[in-house]
Amino acid sequence: MAKGTVKWFDPKKGFGFVINADGQDVFVHYTSIDGDGFRCLRSGQVVEYEEYSSDKGLQGKGVQILDLKPAPEPVKTRPVTVKKSPSGNRRARK
């Protein structure tokens, strides 16, 4: 089994890349992640997987998450106030 760090993973597209010990990109599809339900990886997570070479390059299967990273901080936004214009239409003001 190889170990690597998640470079990026797009949950909408269902794939991403892990960087292996040699610094090479390893393609990972969501179906290759062990577990039930929604399977996703986060950047920076440490994973263990079986690495194999295909005609498209290095790929990983049997991916197991070894290091759970905390959820990212929520984005902080400013409150928006809504004021009525003289014509009665509502307009958002910053």
Protein backbone atom coordinates (compact mmCIF):
# COMPACT_ATOMS: atom_id res chain seq x y z
CA MET A 1 0.00 0.00 0.00
CA ALA A 2 1.22 3.49 -0.85
CA LYS A 3 0.68 6.66 1.17
CA GLY A 4 0.04 10.09 -0.23
CA THR A 5 -1.49 13.50 0.40
CA VAL A 6 -4.62 14.75 -1.35
CA LYS A 7 -3.67 17.54 -3.77
CA TRP A 8 -7.29 18.37 -4.66
CA PHE A 9 -10.62 16.61 -5.06
CA ASP A 10 -13.76 17.95 -6.76
CA PRO A 11 -16.85 16.37 -5.13
CA LYS A 12 -19.12 17.59 -7.96
CA LYS A 13 -17.03 15.85 -10.62
CA GLY A 14 -16.13 12.92 -8.36
CA PHE A 15 -12.39 12.84 -8.90
CA GLY A 16 -9.12 14.41 -7.88
CA PHE A 17 -5.42 13.79 -7.37
CA VAL A 18 -3.15 12.51 -4.62
CA ILE A 19 0.57 13.27 -4.51
CA ASN A 20 2.56 10.09 -3.88
CA ALA A 21 5.90 9.73 -2.03
CA ASP A 22 7.79 10.39 -5.30
CA GLY A 23 5.88 13.65 -5.90
CA GLN A 24 3.85 12.23 -8.78
CA ASP A 25 0.14 12.88 -9.32
CA VAL A 26 -2.13 9.85 -8.81
CA PHE A 27 -5.67 10.03 -10.19
CA VAL A 28 -8.43 9.02 -7.75
CA HIS A 29 -12.09 8.50 -8.69
CA TYR A 30 -14.74 8.61 -5.95
CA THR A 31 -15.58 4.94 -6.58
CA SER A 32 -12.00 4.10 -5.50
CA ILE A 33 -12.54 5.56 -2.01
CA ASP A 34 -13.40 2.92 0.61
CA GLY A 35 -16.62 3.49 2.55
CA ASP A 36 -20.37 3.75 2.25
CA GLY A 37 -22.46 6.74 1.24
CA PHE A 38 -20.98 9.98 -0.06
CA ARG A 39 -17.25 9.50 -0.61
CA CYS A 40 -15.07 12.59 -0.81
CA LEU A 41 -11.51 13.69 -0.05
CA ARG A 42 -10.20 17.04 1.21
CA SER A 43 -6.98 18.76 0.24
CA GLY A 44 -4.21 17.94 2.69
CA GLN A 45 -5.66 14.64 3.92
CA VAL A 46 -3.23 11.74 4.24
CA VAL A 47 -4.47 8.60 2.49
CA GLU A 48 -3.33 5.04 1.92
CA TYR A 49 -4.14 3.33 -1.37
CA GLU A 50 -3.09 0.74 -3.91
CA GLU A 51 -1.27 2.41 -6.79
CA TYR A 52 -1.35 1.05 -10.33
CA SER A 53 -0.34 2.25 -13.77
CA SER A 54 -2.88 2.56 -16.57
CA ASP A 55 -2.79 3.91 -20.11
CA LYS A 56 -3.86 7.27 -18.59
CA GLY A 57 -1.11 7.33 -15.94
CA LEU A 58 -0.96 6.49 -12.25
CA GLN A 59 -4.25 5.71 -10.52
CA GLY A 60 -5.26 4.79 -6.99
CA LYS A 61 -7.81 2.27 -5.73
CA GLY A 62 -8.85 1.05 -2.29
CA VAL A 63 -8.27 4.57 -0.93
CA GLN A 64 -8.46 4.80 2.87
CA ILE A 65 -8.36 8.12 4.73
CA LEU A 66 -5.72 8.08 7.47
CA ASP A 67 -5.88 11.72 8.59
CA LEU A 68 -9.25 13.47 8.95
CA LYS A 69 -8.84 17.19 8.46
CA PRO A 70 -11.34 19.50 10.16
CA ALA A 71 -14.04 21.10 8.06
CA PRO A 72 -13.02 24.41 6.50
CA GLU A 73 -14.06 27.60 8.27
CA PRO A 74 -17.34 29.04 6.97
CA VAL A 75 -17.01 32.10 4.78
CA LYS A 76 -17.74 35.29 6.70
CA THR A 77 -19.97 37.78 4.93
CA ARG A 78 -21.29 41.24 5.66
CA PRO A 79 -24.98 41.66 6.41
CA VAL A 80 -27.01 43.28 3.65
CA THR A 81 -29.82 45.70 4.49
CA VAL A 82 -32.79 46.16 2.21
CA LYS A 83 -34.29 49.62 1.85
CA LYS A 84 -37.29 50.68 -0.15
CA SER A 85 -36.70 53.20 -2.88
CA PRO A 86 -39.13 56.11 -3.34
CA SER A 87 -40.87 54.12 -6.08
CA GLY A 88 -41.55 51.27 -3.63
CA ASN A 89 -39.07 48.84 -5.17
CA ARG A 90 -36.67 47.10 -2.85
CA ARG A 91 -32.96 47.53 -3.42
CA ALA A 92 -30.13 45.86 -1.57
CA ARG A 93 -27.57 48.19 -0.06
CA LYS A 94 -24.12 47.25 1.10
